[in-house]
Amino acid sequence: MERGVHDRGGWPTDGPIDRTEHELADWELLTDGLVHALGDRGLMNVDELRRGIESMPPAEYERAGYYERWLFSIETILEEKGVLAPGELDGRVGA
């Protein structure tokens, strides 16, 4: 069975894991709140969030930070459920 890019157990690393605490940016706090709000409304659960993250293309997963992966997953899941149209968010932010 092929391992996904997210499955890091036993992989060698080039250096130590950065365990320093950092202050979350506003967008990170909002992303966390969004996940909780979607869960409270029954639109998404933690298993779906994880599946969405695990479905990221490997290069995108490697480039993205923790909450960027969450945003990718939120958009993916909401598009799958028809809550968002494909590309809707890109159109709203002028991307």
Protein backbone atom coordinates (compact mmCIF):
# COMPACT_ATOMS: atom_id res chain seq x y z
CA MET A 1 0.00 0.00 0.00
CA GLU A 2 1.37 3.40 -0.98
CA ARG A 3 1.63 5.96 1.80
CA GLY A 4 0.13 9.40 1.41
CA VAL A 5 2.19 12.56 1.78
CA HIS A 6 0.45 13.21 5.11
CA ASP A 7 1.55 9.86 6.60
CA ARG A 8 4.87 10.87 8.19
CA GLY A 9 5.35 8.06 10.69
CA GLY A 10 8.84 6.57 10.29
CA TRP A 11 9.97 8.94 7.53
CA PRO A 12 13.51 10.27 7.89
CA THR A 13 13.87 13.99 8.42
CA ASP A 14 16.56 16.54 7.64
CA GLY A 15 16.25 18.27 10.97
CA PRO A 16 14.44 18.62 14.25
CA ILE A 17 10.74 19.40 14.46
CA ASP A 18 10.10 23.05 15.30
CA ARG A 19 8.12 22.89 18.53
CA THR A 20 8.22 26.59 19.36
CA GLU A 21 4.94 28.25 20.25
CA HIS A 22 3.77 31.09 18.08
CA GLU A 23 0.96 33.59 18.17
CA LEU A 24 -1.78 32.64 15.72
CA ALA A 25 -2.56 35.16 13.00
CA ASP A 26 -6.11 36.48 12.76
CA TRP A 27 -6.84 34.38 9.65
CA GLU A 28 -5.70 31.24 11.50
CA LEU A 29 -8.05 31.98 14.40
CA LEU A 30 -10.88 32.63 11.94
CA THR A 31 -10.15 29.35 10.15
CA ASP A 32 -10.32 27.47 13.45
CA GLY A 33 -13.62 29.21 14.24
CA LEU A 34 -14.97 28.38 10.80
CA VAL A 35 -14.27 24.67 11.28
CA HIS A 36 -16.12 24.75 14.60
CA ALA A 37 -19.06 26.70 13.12
CA LEU A 38 -19.36 24.28 10.19
CA GLY A 39 -19.27 21.37 12.61
CA ASP A 40 -21.91 22.93 14.87
CA ARG A 41 -24.19 23.31 11.84
CA GLY A 42 -23.60 19.73 10.67
CA LEU A 43 -21.93 20.83 7.44
CA MET A 44 -18.57 19.21 8.12
CA ASN A 45 -16.95 17.00 10.73
CA VAL A 46 -13.36 16.34 11.77
CA ASP A 47 -13.17 13.12 9.73
CA GLU A 48 -14.14 15.03 6.59
CA LEU A 49 -11.61 17.75 7.42
CA ARG A 50 -8.88 15.12 7.70
CA ARG A 51 -9.96 13.39 4.47
CA GLY A 52 -9.86 16.71 2.63
CA ILE A 53 -6.37 17.44 3.91
CA GLU A 54 -5.21 13.96 2.95
CA SER A 55 -6.56 14.46 -0.57
CA MET A 56 -4.28 17.42 -1.27
CA PRO A 57 -1.82 17.01 -4.13
CA PRO A 58 1.59 16.18 -2.56
CA ALA A 59 3.35 19.32 -3.80
CA GLU A 60 0.55 21.53 -2.51
CA TYR A 61 0.53 19.70 0.83
CA GLU A 62 4.28 20.23 1.23
CA ARG A 63 4.03 23.93 0.42
CA ALA A 64 1.03 24.64 2.65
CA GLY A 65 1.08 25.43 6.33
CA TYR A 66 -1.18 23.85 8.94
CA TYR A 67 -4.18 26.18 8.57
CA GLU A 68 -3.69 26.51 4.81
CA ARG A 69 -4.34 22.77 4.67
CA TRP A 70 -7.50 23.30 6.69
CA LEU A 71 -8.68 25.97 4.22
CA PHE A 72 -8.02 23.66 1.28
CA SER A 73 -10.06 20.96 2.98
CA ILE A 74 -12.94 23.28 3.92
CA GLU A 75 -13.26 24.48 0.34
CA THR A 76 -13.00 20.93 -1.03
CA ILE A 77 -15.67 19.54 1.31
CA LEU A 78 -18.08 22.45 0.80
CA GLU A 79 -17.72 22.12 -2.97
CA GLU A 80 -18.40 18.38 -2.75
CA LYS A 81 -21.57 19.09 -0.78
CA GLY A 82 -22.75 21.81 -3.17
CA VAL A 83 -22.50 24.56 -0.55
CA LEU A 84 -19.90 26.30 -2.73
CA ALA A 85 -19.67 26.23 -6.49
CA PRO A 86 -16.27 25.17 -7.88
CA GLY A 87 -14.05 28.26 -8.01
CA GLU A 88 -16.59 30.40 -6.14
CA LEU A 89 -14.13 31.55 -3.49
CA ASP A 90 -11.49 32.42 -6.08
CA GLY A 91 -14.04 34.64 -7.82
CA ARG A 92 -14.97 36.38 -4.58
CA VAL A 93 -11.39 37.22 -3.63
CA GLY A 94 -10.42 38.25 -7.16
CA ALA A 95 -7.88 35.47 -7.66
